[in-house]
Amino acid sequence: MVLILSLKATITPRGAIILGKYVACDAFDGTKPLRVVTHAHADHMMGLQQSLKTCQKVLMTKATKDLIDVMRGPLFLMGGFVETLDYGKTIHYEEERITFSRADHILGAAQVLVEDAEGTRIVYTGDFRIDGTLALDADILVMEATYGNPSCKRSFDRDVKDLLISLVKEGLKSGAVQVFGYHGKLQEVMQILRDADVNAPFIAPERVLHVSKVCENHGMRIGRLIPLEEREAVELLKENSPCIIFYHMNAKNRVVKGALRIYVSGWEFDTPCREIAEREYIIALSDHSDFDDLMEYVRRSKPKLVITDNFRIGHADKLAKEISKRFGISALPLPKR
């Protein structure tokens, strides 16, 4: 049985998640007519331009499409046939059925379920946090392994969101606060602060501003953002007035230091907040499940075979070994290294 199942899903050496006969997720595969983009992070959009040229359809959620339009330009996706699929909706291709389910990660993130002619349920989680993600019943489960090492457990109980809010409020007493993170995570921080009634002006560079507008159009609470280049923002920063500037993580070495700086990262497991230098902090706000939560997904899903993603950054080998040991389920990391 496991041998038969192993023929129905794999991960290629180029990182494509193959589900059933027709679907390739999150990287280019020239042999499959359908390409799925589970969410708008770079390591899940690999080879997308090639897919647009060669695939019959490229599937994604509407929110993911809107984010890609902002990040790659509105003409990028016009290079192929893109179809948006709502959560819970099913499309048919030949004898197989493809359904998206929500993944709690960034806006628009989706899990993918493929059901074949024999009724085999093949599930790919994409990236996810378990708290807001429904574990899908699966015969074959292909899953992320970012924090798949047993050492990757968040041992702290303190509410990270409350700590973030307190740190920002304290920083605002002295003037500007700089927040660094990746697209999706930055907008989550904005919403956390808005929900906590932090009323200091929000400032953002152009790209962060556009991504934030997409998030707000899809229901997130972002509020007014001042473009970094506008006179109002320039004056606020010149006078060191209380305000919050949201930068992409890639800009951290280009932005002049001086204000209190907060880096939002998931790679923190011992403490929810760590001071790394004077007025510089790392906050452990993650958009991935830790090891225990990955194992909990497997327990709920009850698969007969698990494939762990050994292409993207993470601990696929260790996760597969732990799944086999704890659940007695066949599990293998792919692609083989």
Protein backbone atom coordinates (compact mmCIF):
# COMPACT_ATOMS: atom_id res chain seq x y z
CA MET A 1 0.00 0.00 0.00
CA VAL A 2 2.72 2.48 0.98
CA LEU A 3 4.64 1.72 -2.21
CA ILE A 4 1.55 2.46 -4.29
CA LEU A 5 0.92 5.70 -2.37
CA SER A 6 4.55 6.79 -2.82
CA LEU A 7 3.97 6.87 -6.58
CA LYS A 8 1.22 9.46 -6.20
CA ALA A 9 3.23 12.30 -4.60
CA THR A 10 6.83 13.45 -4.51
CA ILE A 11 9.08 16.53 -4.31
CA THR A 12 11.39 17.09 -7.26
CA PRO A 13 15.05 18.14 -7.04
CA ARG A 14 13.91 21.63 -8.13
CA GLY A 15 11.42 21.91 -5.26
CA ALA A 16 8.12 21.19 -7.03
CA ILE A 17 5.54 19.46 -4.83
CA ILE A 18 3.89 16.85 -7.10
CA LEU A 19 0.36 15.83 -6.13
CA GLY A 20 -1.36 13.16 -8.23
CA LYS A 21 -0.98 13.08 -12.00
CA TYR A 22 -1.45 16.72 -12.92
CA VAL A 23 -0.52 19.16 -10.14
CA ALA A 24 2.83 20.78 -9.29
CA CYS A 25 2.91 23.19 -6.34
CA ASP A 26 5.33 25.98 -5.44
CA ALA A 27 7.98 25.38 -8.15
CA PHE A 28 8.12 24.78 -11.88
CA ASP A 29 7.65 21.31 -13.33
CA GLY A 30 7.32 21.07 -17.09
CA THR A 31 5.54 17.70 -17.02
CA LYS A 32 2.42 18.90 -15.15
CA PRO A 33 -0.39 20.93 -16.75
CA LEU A 34 -1.42 22.61 -13.48
CA ARG A 35 0.75 24.82 -11.26
CA VAL A 36 -0.38 25.89 -7.79
CA VAL A 37 1.08 28.83 -5.85
CA THR A 38 0.18 28.25 -2.21
CA HIS A 39 1.22 31.74 -1.10
CA ALA A 40 3.21 34.81 -2.14
CA HIS A 41 6.59 34.09 -0.55
CA ALA A 42 9.59 33.79 -2.87
CA ASP A 43 10.48 30.17 -2.00
CA HIS A 44 6.97 29.15 -3.09
CA MET A 45 6.93 31.14 -6.35
CA MET A 46 10.05 29.58 -7.88
CA GLY A 47 9.90 29.17 -11.65
CA LEU A 48 6.55 30.93 -11.82
CA GLN A 49 7.41 32.72 -15.05
CA GLN A 50 8.16 29.36 -16.69
CA SER A 51 4.91 27.92 -15.35
CA LEU A 52 2.95 30.83 -16.78
CA LYS A 53 4.44 30.12 -20.21
CA THR A 54 3.95 26.35 -20.24
CA CYS A 55 1.15 25.28 -17.87
CA GLN A 56 -2.49 25.13 -18.93
CA LYS A 57 -3.51 26.80 -15.66
CA VAL A 58 -1.81 28.46 -12.71
CA LEU A 59 -3.99 28.25 -9.61
CA MET A 60 -3.89 30.51 -6.53
CA THR A 61 -6.23 32.38 -4.19
CA LYS A 62 -7.44 35.85 -5.13
CA ALA A 63 -5.43 37.37 -2.26
CA THR A 64 -2.25 35.65 -3.44
CA LYS A 65 -2.83 36.96 -6.95
CA ASP A 66 -3.29 40.50 -5.64
CA LEU A 67 -0.08 40.25 -3.62
CA ILE A 68 1.90 38.98 -6.61
CA ASP A 69 0.49 41.81 -8.74
CA VAL A 70 1.98 44.25 -6.22
CA MET A 71 5.31 42.48 -5.76
CA ARG A 72 5.99 41.51 -9.39
CA GLY A 73 3.94 44.13 -11.23
CA PRO A 74 0.43 43.86 -12.71
CA LEU A 75 1.67 42.56 -16.08
CA PHE A 76 3.60 39.60 -14.65
CA LEU A 77 0.70 37.17 -14.24
CA MET A 78 -0.72 38.16 -17.62
CA GLY A 79 1.98 35.97 -19.16
CA GLY A 80 -0.20 32.89 -18.61
CA PHE A 81 -3.65 31.65 -17.69
CA VAL A 82 -4.24 32.32 -13.98
CA GLU A 83 -7.35 31.01 -12.24
CA THR A 84 -8.19 32.05 -8.69
CA LEU A 85 -9.79 29.49 -6.41
CA ASP A 86 -11.66 30.25 -3.19
CA TYR A 87 -11.18 28.18 -0.05
CA GLY A 88 -13.52 25.21 -0.04
CA LYS A 89 -14.20 25.36 -3.77
CA THR A 90 -13.28 22.39 -5.98
CA ILE A 91 -12.20 22.26 -9.61
CA HIS A 92 -11.91 19.14 -11.74
CA TYR A 93 -9.06 18.26 -14.08
CA GLU A 94 -9.54 15.00 -15.95
CA GLU A 95 -10.39 12.46 -13.23
CA GLU A 96 -8.89 14.42 -10.32
CA ARG A 97 -10.35 17.04 -7.97
CA ILE A 98 -8.38 20.00 -6.55
CA THR A 99 -9.57 21.91 -3.47
CA PHE A 100 -7.96 24.74 -1.49
CA SER A 101 -8.27 25.02 2.28
CA ARG A 102 -7.12 27.97 4.40
CA ALA A 103 -3.62 27.88 5.89
CA ASP A 104 -2.85 30.31 8.71
CA HIS A 105 0.41 31.78 7.45
CA ILE A 106 0.23 34.99 5.41
CA LEU A 107 -2.76 36.46 3.64
CA GLY A 108 -4.03 34.13 0.92
CA ALA A 109 -2.06 31.05 2.00
CA ALA A 110 -3.69 27.76 1.06
CA GLN A 111 -3.43 24.04 1.69
CA VAL A 112 -4.00 21.86 -1.37
CA LEU A 113 -6.09 18.68 -1.50
CA VAL A 114 -5.99 16.46 -4.59
CA GLU A 115 -8.40 13.52 -4.77
CA ASP A 116 -7.67 11.00 -7.51
CA ALA A 117 -9.84 8.46 -9.33
CA GLU A 118 -9.19 5.80 -6.66
CA GLY A 119 -10.33 8.18 -3.90
CA THR A 120 -6.80 8.74 -2.56
CA ARG A 121 -6.59 12.01 -0.61
CA ILE A 122 -3.26 13.75 -1.22
CA VAL A 123 -2.72 16.85 0.96
CA TYR A 124 0.01 19.49 0.84
CA THR A 125 0.00 21.80 3.85
CA GLY A 126 2.12 24.62 2.43
CA ASP A 127 3.42 26.78 5.28
CA PHE A 128 1.08 27.07 8.26
CA ARG A 129 0.42 27.79 11.91
CA ILE A 130 -1.79 25.13 13.42
CA ASP A 131 -3.97 27.41 15.56
CA GLY A 132 -5.83 28.79 12.54
CA THR A 133 -5.39 25.83 10.20
CA LEU A 134 -7.78 22.89 9.83
CA ALA A 135 -5.86 19.61 9.63
CA LEU A 136 -7.17 17.79 6.56
CA ASP A 137 -7.72 14.03 6.51
CA ALA A 138 -5.10 12.54 4.22
CA ASP A 139 -3.85 9.27 2.82
CA ILE A 140 -0.66 11.01 1.71
CA LEU A 141 0.48 14.13 3.59
CA VAL A 142 3.17 16.39 2.14
CA MET A 143 4.17 18.95 4.74
CA GLU A 144 6.50 21.80 5.47
CA ALA A 145 9.40 21.08 7.83
CA THR A 146 10.69 24.56 8.70
CA TYR A 147 10.77 23.85 12.43
CA GLY A 148 10.86 20.06 12.13
CA ASN A 149 13.67 19.58 14.63
CA PRO A 150 12.54 18.46 18.12
CA SER A 151 14.67 21.31 19.50
CA CYS A 152 12.39 23.81 17.72
CA LYS A 153 9.82 24.11 20.47
CA ARG A 154 8.53 27.39 21.83
CA SER A 155 8.98 26.78 25.52
CA PHE A 156 7.63 30.14 26.66
CA ASP A 157 4.03 30.74 27.68
CA ARG A 158 4.08 34.53 27.69
CA ASP A 159 1.86 36.13 25.06
CA VAL A 160 4.19 37.35 22.33
CA LYS A 161 1.62 39.83 21.01
CA ASP A 162 1.28 41.54 24.39
CA LEU A 163 5.06 41.72 24.68
CA LEU A 164 5.30 43.27 21.19
CA ILE A 165 2.68 45.88 22.05
CA SER A 166 4.43 46.76 25.33
CA LEU A 167 7.82 47.09 23.65
CA VAL A 168 6.45 49.35 20.91
CA LYS A 169 4.62 51.55 23.42
CA GLU A 170 7.74 51.87 25.53
CA GLY A 171 9.81 52.76 22.48
CA LEU A 172 7.35 55.44 21.37
CA LYS A 173 8.03 57.33 24.59
CA SER A 174 11.46 58.17 23.16
CA GLY A 175 10.36 58.83 19.57
CA ALA A 176 10.38 56.66 16.46
CA VAL A 177 10.28 52.86 16.45
CA GLN A 178 11.53 50.78 13.52
CA VAL A 179 9.95 47.37 12.83
CA PHE A 180 11.62 44.93 10.42
CA GLY A 181 9.95 41.82 8.99
CA TYR A 182 8.87 40.05 5.82
CA HIS A 183 5.77 40.73 3.76
CA GLY A 184 2.78 39.29 5.54
CA LYS A 185 4.47 39.36 8.94
CA LEU A 186 4.77 43.17 8.84
CA GLN A 187 1.06 43.50 8.11
CA GLU A 188 0.25 41.13 10.96
CA VAL A 189 2.23 43.40 13.29
CA MET A 190 0.32 46.42 11.98
CA GLN A 191 -2.98 44.73 12.72
CA ILE A 192 -1.85 43.66 16.21
CA LEU A 193 -0.91 47.25 17.03
CA ARG A 194 -4.13 48.69 15.55
CA ASP A 195 -6.21 46.21 17.55
CA ALA A 196 -4.33 47.36 20.67
CA ASP A 197 -5.24 51.00 19.84
CA VAL A 198 -1.64 52.07 19.25
CA ASN A 199 -2.40 55.40 17.59
CA ALA A 200 1.06 56.62 16.63
CA PRO A 201 1.49 57.36 12.91
CA PHE A 202 2.41 54.35 10.76
CA ILE A 203 5.02 54.97 8.04
CA ALA A 204 6.08 52.58 5.29
CA PRO A 205 8.22 52.48 2.12
CA GLU A 206 6.33 52.15 -1.16
CA ARG A 207 6.42 48.34 -1.53
CA VAL A 208 5.36 47.72 2.07
CA LEU A 209 2.61 50.31 1.58
CA HIS A 210 1.21 48.55 -1.51
CA VAL A 211 1.30 45.10 0.12
CA SER A 212 -0.49 46.56 3.15
CA LYS A 213 -3.25 48.00 0.98
CA VAL A 214 -3.88 44.57 -0.53
CA CYS A 215 -4.08 43.08 2.96
CA GLU A 216 -6.58 45.73 4.01
CA ASN A 217 -8.66 45.13 0.87
CA HIS A 218 -8.92 41.50 1.97
CA GLY A 219 -10.12 42.31 5.47
CA MET A 220 -7.05 43.03 7.58
CA ARG A 221 -7.15 46.11 9.82
CA ILE A 222 -4.22 48.26 8.73
CA GLY A 223 -5.48 51.84 8.80
CA ARG A 224 -3.72 54.91 7.47
CA LEU A 225 -0.13 54.51 6.30
CA ILE A 226 2.08 57.48 5.48
CA PRO A 227 4.46 56.94 2.55
CA LEU A 228 8.06 57.15 3.74
CA GLU A 229 8.94 59.67 1.00
CA GLU A 230 6.12 62.11 1.81
CA ARG A 231 6.81 65.38 3.58
CA GLU A 232 4.70 64.42 6.60
CA ALA A 233 6.84 61.33 7.22
CA VAL A 234 10.09 63.23 6.62
CA GLU A 235 9.08 65.83 9.22
CA LEU A 236 8.05 63.20 11.77
CA LEU A 237 11.39 61.44 11.44
CA LYS A 238 13.39 64.67 11.42
CA GLU A 239 11.81 65.70 14.72
CA ASN A 240 11.99 62.14 16.14
CA SER A 241 8.27 62.28 16.85
CA PRO A 242 6.55 59.12 18.14
CA CYS A 243 5.85 57.03 15.03
CA ILE A 244 6.37 53.48 13.73
CA ILE A 245 8.23 52.76 10.49
CA PHE A 246 7.73 49.32 8.91
CA TYR A 247 10.65 48.07 6.80
CA HIS A 248 11.17 44.83 4.90
CA MET A 249 13.79 42.70 6.65
CA ASN A 250 16.13 43.06 3.66
CA ALA A 251 16.47 46.78 4.48
CA LYS A 252 17.83 46.31 7.99
CA ASN A 253 21.46 47.01 7.01
CA ARG A 254 20.53 50.01 4.87
CA VAL A 255 18.45 51.88 7.43
CA VAL A 256 20.29 54.26 9.74
CA LYS A 257 20.25 53.18 13.37
CA GLY A 258 19.21 55.41 16.23
CA ALA A 259 15.57 54.58 16.84
CA LEU A 260 14.47 51.55 18.82
CA ARG A 261 14.60 48.60 16.38
CA ILE A 262 12.43 45.46 16.50
CA TYR A 263 13.11 42.44 14.28
CA VAL A 264 10.14 40.07 13.98
CA SER A 265 11.40 36.49 13.59
CA GLY A 266 10.17 32.94 14.09
CA TRP A 267 13.63 31.50 14.76
CA GLU A 268 13.41 32.14 18.52
CA PHE A 269 12.49 29.29 20.86
CA ASP A 270 13.96 30.05 24.29
CA THR A 271 12.51 33.49 24.95
CA PRO A 272 9.73 35.60 23.41
CA CYS A 273 11.94 38.70 23.34
CA ARG A 274 15.71 38.96 23.16
CA GLU A 275 17.85 42.10 23.32
CA ILE A 276 20.69 41.70 20.82
CA ALA A 277 22.22 45.18 21.15
CA GLU A 278 21.39 48.50 22.72
CA ARG A 279 17.82 49.39 21.65
CA GLU A 280 17.64 46.37 19.32
CA TYR A 281 15.30 43.45 19.99
CA ILE A 282 14.11 40.24 18.34
CA ILE A 283 10.46 39.33 18.92
CA ALA A 284 9.49 35.67 18.47
CA LEU A 285 6.37 36.17 16.35
CA SER A 286 6.25 33.23 13.95
CA ASP A 287 3.99 32.38 11.02
CA HIS A 288 5.12 28.71 11.07
CA SER A 289 4.19 25.83 13.38
CA ASP A 290 6.87 24.67 15.79
CA PHE A 291 7.85 20.99 16.09
CA ASP A 292 5.04 20.04 18.46
CA ASP A 293 2.45 21.66 16.22
CA LEU A 294 3.78 19.89 13.12
CA MET A 295 3.45 16.60 14.97
CA GLU A 296 -0.06 17.56 16.09
CA TYR A 297 -1.09 18.15 12.47
CA VAL A 298 0.08 14.64 11.58
CA ARG A 299 -1.84 13.19 14.52
CA ARG A 300 -5.06 14.90 13.41
CA SER A 301 -4.59 14.16 9.72
CA LYS A 302 -4.03 10.38 10.21
CA PRO A 303 -2.06 9.80 6.97
CA LYS A 304 -0.69 6.47 5.79
CA LEU A 305 2.39 8.16 4.28
CA VAL A 306 4.11 11.47 5.08
CA ILE A 307 6.57 13.31 2.84
CA THR A 308 8.51 16.15 4.48
CA ASP A 309 9.80 19.06 2.37
CA ASN A 310 13.57 18.65 2.17
CA PHE A 311 14.04 21.35 -0.48
CA ARG A 312 13.16 24.51 1.45
CA ILE A 313 14.91 25.58 4.61
CA GLY A 314 14.06 23.39 7.58
CA HIS A 315 14.59 20.00 9.22
CA ALA A 316 12.87 17.48 6.96
CA ASP A 317 15.12 14.53 7.90
CA LYS A 318 14.58 14.89 11.62
CA LEU A 319 10.84 15.48 11.22
CA ALA A 320 10.41 12.34 9.10
CA LYS A 321 12.32 10.24 11.64
CA GLU A 322 10.23 11.55 14.54
CA ILE A 323 6.96 10.94 12.67
CA SER A 324 7.96 7.33 11.95
CA LYS A 325 9.11 6.76 15.53
CA ARG A 326 6.13 8.33 17.31
CA PHE A 327 3.26 7.34 15.02
CA GLY A 328 4.54 4.25 13.25
CA ILE A 329 3.81 5.96 9.92
CA SER A 330 6.04 5.67 6.87
CA ALA A 331 7.70 9.08 6.46
CA LEU A 332 10.45 10.22 4.14
CA PRO A 333 12.20 13.51 3.40
CA LEU A 334 12.22 14.49 -0.28
CA PRO A 335 14.08 15.28 -2.41
CA LYS A 336 16.89 13.04 -1.25
CA ARG A 337 20.12 14.90 -0.53
